[in-house]
Every structure is written in structure tokens, then in C-alpha cells.
Amino acid sequence: MPKEYVVIGLIALAGFLGGGVYSTWKTARGLAIVLLVLTLITVAAAILWLV
């Protein structure tokens, strides 16, 4: 599998998690913070995988 596919998948996962942060921020801030941390880890993993 080319590494571009993995990066695209990680960015898509980060977008999905970011949407979860946006939708849960007003109701469940603890869960939103956990999702935010996971989003940041996923973005960092995509950048590191590309490099």
C-alpha cells in the first residue's frame, strides 16, 4: 500500500474526530477533550508518516 493512502486515511480519521469534537463540545466537554487529543495525535501521525 502506498504511503499516500495511509496519510489520506489518517487525515480522514482526523477530520472525523474533529467533527466529533465540534459536535460534543457543548454537551460533554470531557469527551470532546479526549477526542481533541486523539485528533492531534492522528494529525501528528499523518505528518510523521509523510515525512
PDB file of N, CA and C in Angstrom:
ATOM      1  N   MET A   1       0.849  -1.178   0.000  1.00  0.00           N
ATOM      2  CA  MET A   1       0.000   0.000   0.000  1.00  0.00           C
ATOM      3  C   MET A   1       0.891   1.236   0.000  1.00  0.00           C
ATOM      4  N   PRO A   2       0.676   2.117  -0.967  1.00  0.00           N
ATOM      5  CA  PRO A   2       1.485   3.347  -0.997  1.00  0.00           C
ATOM      6  C   PRO A   2       1.248   4.197   0.256  1.00  0.00           C
ATOM      7  N   LYS A   3       2.292   4.891   0.660  1.00  0.00           N
ATOM      8  CA  LYS A   3       2.167   5.640   1.908  1.00  0.00           C
ATOM      9  C   LYS A   3       1.216   6.822   1.804  1.00  0.00           C
ATOM     10  N   GLU A   4       0.905   7.269   0.582  1.00  0.00           N
ATOM     11  CA  GLU A   4      -0.066   8.355   0.435  1.00  0.00           C
ATOM     12  C   GLU A   4      -1.462   7.921   0.874  1.00  0.00           C
ATOM     13  N   TYR A   5      -1.800   6.639   0.642  1.00  0.00           N
ATOM     14  CA  TYR A   5      -3.108   6.138   1.065  1.00  0.00           C
ATOM     15  C   TYR A   5      -3.234   6.145   2.586  1.00  0.00           C
ATOM     16  N   VAL A   6      -2.163   5.809   3.255  1.00  0.00           N
ATOM     17  CA  VAL A   6      -2.182   5.815   4.722  1.00  0.00           C
ATOM     18  C   VAL A   6      -2.353   7.238   5.236  1.00  0.00           C
ATOM     19  N   VAL A   7      -1.660   8.190   4.630  1.00  0.00           N
ATOM     20  CA  VAL A   7      -1.764   9.585   5.049  1.00  0.00           C
ATOM     21  C   VAL A   7      -3.172  10.112   4.804  1.00  0.00           C
ATOM     22  N   ILE A   8      -3.756   9.778   3.641  1.00  0.00           N
ATOM     23  CA  ILE A   8      -5.127  10.211   3.355  1.00  0.00           C
ATOM     24  C   ILE A   8      -6.093   9.609   4.368  1.00  0.00           C
ATOM     25  N   GLY A   9      -5.895   8.344   4.713  1.00  0.00           N
ATOM     26  CA  GLY A   9      -6.746   7.701   5.721  1.00  0.00           C
ATOM     27  C   GLY A   9      -6.613   8.349   7.086  1.00  0.00           C
ATOM     28  N   LEU A  10      -5.396   8.692   7.476  1.00  0.00           N
ATOM     29  CA  LEU A  10      -5.183   9.344   8.765  1.00  0.00           C
ATOM     30  C   LEU A  10      -5.801  10.743   8.790  1.00  0.00           C
ATOM     31  N   ILE A  11      -5.697  11.465   7.691  1.00  0.00           N
ATOM     32  CA  ILE A  11      -6.305  12.795   7.636  1.00  0.00           C
ATOM     33  C   ILE A  11      -7.823  12.691   7.675  1.00  0.00           C
ATOM     34  N   ALA A  12      -8.374  11.683   6.998  1.00  0.00           N
ATOM     35  CA  ALA A  12      -9.821  11.470   7.040  1.00  0.00           C
ATOM     36  C   ALA A  12     -10.269  11.123   8.464  1.00  0.00           C
ATOM     37  N   LEU A  13      -9.498  10.281   9.148  1.00  0.00           N
ATOM     38  CA  LEU A  13      -9.813   9.942  10.538  1.00  0.00           C
ATOM     39  C   LEU A  13      -9.734  11.180  11.433  1.00  0.00           C
ATOM     40  N   ALA A  14      -8.740  12.037  11.194  1.00  0.00           N
ATOM     41  CA  ALA A  14      -8.622  13.268  11.968  1.00  0.00           C
ATOM     42  C   ALA A  14      -9.820  14.180  11.725  1.00  0.00           C
ATOM     43  N   GLY A  15     -10.294  14.239  10.498  1.00  0.00           N
ATOM     44  CA  GLY A  15     -11.484  15.037  10.203  1.00  0.00           C
ATOM     45  C   GLY A  15     -12.712  14.488  10.897  1.00  0.00           C
ATOM     46  N   PHE A  16     -12.839  13.181  10.918  1.00  0.00           N
ATOM     47  CA  PHE A  16     -13.959  12.544  11.615  1.00  0.00           C
ATOM     48  C   PHE A  16     -13.902  12.839  13.113  1.00  0.00           C
ATOM     49  N   LEU A  17     -12.714  12.716  13.693  1.00  0.00           N
ATOM     50  CA  LEU A  17     -12.559  13.007  15.120  1.00  0.00           C
ATOM     51  C   LEU A  17     -12.778  14.491  15.411  1.00  0.00           C
ATOM     52  N   GLY A  18     -12.321  15.355  14.510  1.00  0.00           N
ATOM     53  CA  GLY A  18     -12.552  16.791  14.680  1.00  0.00           C
ATOM     54  C   GLY A  18     -14.035  17.131  14.653  1.00  0.00           C
ATOM     55  N   GLY A  19     -14.779  16.460  13.805  1.00  0.00           N
ATOM     56  CA  GLY A  19     -16.232  16.641  13.795  1.00  0.00           C
ATOM     57  C   GLY A  19     -16.862  16.196  15.094  1.00  0.00           C
ATOM     58  N   GLY A  20     -16.323  15.147  15.672  1.00  0.00           N
ATOM     59  CA  GLY A  20     -16.808  14.696  16.975  1.00  0.00           C
ATOM     60  C   GLY A  20     -16.527  15.712  18.064  1.00  0.00           C
ATOM     61  N   VAL A  21     -15.369  16.349  17.992  1.00  0.00           N
ATOM     62  CA  VAL A  21     -15.043  17.414  18.951  1.00  0.00           C
ATOM     63  C   VAL A  21     -16.046  18.547  18.828  1.00  0.00           C
ATOM     64  N   TYR A  22     -16.315  18.947  17.597  1.00  0.00           N
ATOM     65  CA  TYR A  22     -17.230  20.063  17.350  1.00  0.00           C
ATOM     66  C   TYR A  22     -18.639  19.752  17.847  1.00  0.00           C
ATOM     67  N   SER A  23     -19.093  18.526  17.608  1.00  0.00           N
ATOM     68  CA  SER A  23     -20.477  18.196  17.959  1.00  0.00           C
ATOM     69  C   SER A  23     -20.672  17.915  19.446  1.00  0.00           C
ATOM     70  N   THR A  24     -19.626  17.503  20.157  1.00  0.00           N
ATOM     71  CA  THR A  24     -19.787  17.182  21.573  1.00  0.00           C
ATOM     72  C   THR A  24     -19.308  18.275  22.519  1.00  0.00           C
ATOM     73  N   TRP A  25     -18.789  19.368  21.993  1.00  0.00           N
ATOM     74  CA  TRP A  25     -18.185  20.379  22.864  1.00  0.00           C
ATOM     75  C   TRP A  25     -19.177  20.964  23.859  1.00  0.00           C
ATOM     76  N   LYS A  26     -20.405  21.246  23.449  1.00  0.00           N
ATOM     77  CA  LYS A  26     -21.353  21.901  24.351  1.00  0.00           C
ATOM     78  C   LYS A  26     -21.993  20.949  25.343  1.00  0.00           C
ATOM     79  N   THR A  27     -22.029  19.670  25.040  1.00  0.00           N
ATOM     80  CA  THR A  27     -22.727  18.730  25.922  1.00  0.00           C
ATOM     81  C   THR A  27     -21.789  17.910  26.797  1.00  0.00           C
ATOM     82  N   ALA A  28     -20.676  17.471  26.250  1.00  0.00           N
ATOM     83  CA  ALA A  28     -19.762  16.603  27.003  1.00  0.00           C
ATOM     84  C   ALA A  28     -18.331  17.069  26.761  1.00  0.00           C
ATOM     85  N   ARG A  29     -17.910  18.024  27.547  1.00  0.00           N
ATOM     86  CA  ARG A  29     -16.578  18.612  27.326  1.00  0.00           C
ATOM     87  C   ARG A  29     -15.447  17.629  27.593  1.00  0.00           C
ATOM     88  N   GLY A  30     -15.633  16.732  28.540  1.00  0.00           N
ATOM     89  CA  GLY A  30     -14.581  15.741  28.818  1.00  0.00           C
ATOM     90  C   GLY A  30     -14.332  14.851  27.617  1.00  0.00           C
ATOM     91  N   LEU A  31     -15.404  14.361  27.021  1.00  0.00           N
ATOM     92  CA  LEU A  31     -15.284  13.538  25.815  1.00  0.00           C
ATOM     93  C   LEU A  31     -14.709  14.355  24.667  1.00  0.00           C
ATOM     94  N   ALA A  32     -15.096  15.602  24.550  1.00  0.00           N
ATOM     95  CA  ALA A  32     -14.581  16.461  23.487  1.00  0.00           C
ATOM     96  C   ALA A  32     -13.076  16.664  23.636  1.00  0.00           C
ATOM     97  N   ILE A  33     -12.603  16.793  24.849  1.00  0.00           N
ATOM     98  CA  ILE A  33     -11.165  16.970  25.071  1.00  0.00           C
ATOM     99  C   ILE A  33     -10.405  15.698  24.712  1.00  0.00           C
ATOM    100  N   VAL A  34     -10.964  14.546  25.053  1.00  0.00           N
ATOM    101  CA  VAL A  34     -10.342  13.275  24.682  1.00  0.00           C
ATOM    102  C   VAL A  34     -10.288  13.153  23.157  1.00  0.00           C
ATOM    103  N   LEU A  35     -11.388  13.502  22.487  1.00  0.00           N
ATOM    104  CA  LEU A  35     -11.406  13.452  21.027  1.00  0.00           C
ATOM    105  C   LEU A  35     -10.423  14.446  20.420  1.00  0.00           C
ATOM    106  N   LEU A  36     -10.270  15.603  21.045  1.00  0.00           N
ATOM    107  CA  LEU A  36      -9.308  16.595  20.561  1.00  0.00           C
ATOM    108  C   LEU A  36      -7.878  16.065  20.656  1.00  0.00           C
ATOM    109  N   VAL A  37      -7.563  15.414  21.742  1.00  0.00           N
ATOM    110  CA  VAL A  37      -6.222  14.830  21.902  1.00  0.00           C
ATOM    111  C   VAL A  37      -5.995  13.756  20.839  1.00  0.00           C
ATOM    112  N   LEU A  38      -6.999  12.919  20.612  1.00  0.00           N
ATOM    113  CA  LEU A  38      -6.877  11.886  19.581  1.00  0.00           C
ATOM    114  C   LEU A  38      -6.734  12.503  18.188  1.00  0.00           C
ATOM    115  N   THR A  39      -7.436  13.605  17.951  1.00  0.00           N
ATOM    116  CA  THR A  39      -7.313  14.303  16.675  1.00  0.00           C
ATOM    117  C   THR A  39      -5.899  14.821  16.471  1.00  0.00           C
ATOM    118  N   LEU A  40      -5.340  15.427  17.497  1.00  0.00           N
ATOM    119  CA  LEU A  40      -3.981  15.958  17.388  1.00  0.00           C
ATOM    120  C   LEU A  40      -2.958  14.846  17.192  1.00  0.00           C
ATOM    121  N   ILE A  41      -3.141  13.717  17.853  1.00  0.00           N
ATOM    122  CA  ILE A  41      -2.235  12.578  17.675  1.00  0.00           C
ATOM    123  C   ILE A  41      -2.332  12.049  16.251  1.00  0.00           C
ATOM    124  N   THR A  42      -3.553  11.989  15.719  1.00  0.00           N
ATOM    125  CA  THR A  42      -3.741  11.489  14.365  1.00  0.00           C
ATOM    126  C   THR A  42      -3.114  12.414  13.329  1.00  0.00           C
ATOM    127  N   VAL A  43      -3.264  13.714  13.514  1.00  0.00           N
ATOM    128  CA  VAL A  43      -2.643  14.675  12.586  1.00  0.00           C
ATOM    129  C   VAL A  43      -1.119  14.565  12.660  1.00  0.00           C
ATOM    130  N   ALA A  44      -0.587  14.445  13.870  1.00  0.00           N
ATOM    131  CA  ALA A  44       0.864  14.303  14.018  1.00  0.00           C
ATOM    132  C   ALA A  44       1.353  13.014  13.362  1.00  0.00           C
ATOM    133  N   ALA A  45       0.592  11.933  13.499  1.00  0.00           N
ATOM    134  CA  ALA A  45       0.969  10.673  12.877  1.00  0.00           C
ATOM    135  C   ALA A  45       0.957  10.778  11.362  1.00  0.00           C
ATOM    136  N   ALA A  46      -0.023  11.497  10.814  1.00  0.00           N
ATOM    137  CA  ALA A  46      -0.066  11.677   9.355  1.00  0.00           C
ATOM    138  C   ALA A  46       1.130  12.477   8.870  1.00  0.00           C
ATOM    139  N   ILE A  47       1.494  13.507   9.595  1.00  0.00           N
ATOM    140  CA  ILE A  47       2.646  14.324   9.196  1.00  0.00           C
ATOM    141  C   ILE A  47       3.925  13.511   9.291  1.00  0.00           C
ATOM    142  N   LEU A  48       4.090  12.768  10.381  1.00  0.00           N
ATOM    143  CA  LEU A  48       5.293  11.966  10.545  1.00  0.00           C
ATOM    144  C   LEU A  48       5.364  10.840   9.519  1.00  0.00           C
ATOM    145  N   TRP A  49       4.225  10.248   9.177  1.00  0.00           N
ATOM    146  CA  TRP A  49       4.217   9.177   8.191  1.00  0.00           C
ATOM    147  C   TRP A  49       4.610   9.717   6.814  1.00  0.00           C
ATOM    148  N   LEU A  50       4.186  10.932   6.511  1.00  0.00           N
ATOM    149  CA  LEU A  50       4.509  11.525   5.220  1.00  0.00           C
ATOM    150  C   LEU A  50       5.990  11.884   5.117  1.00  0.00           C
ATOM    151  N   VAL A  51       6.569  12.295   6.235  1.00  0.00           N
ATOM    152  CA  VAL A  51       7.977  12.663   6.253  1.00  0.00           C
ATOM    153  C   VAL A  51       8.796  11.402   6.316  1.00  0.00           C
TER     154      VAL A  51
END
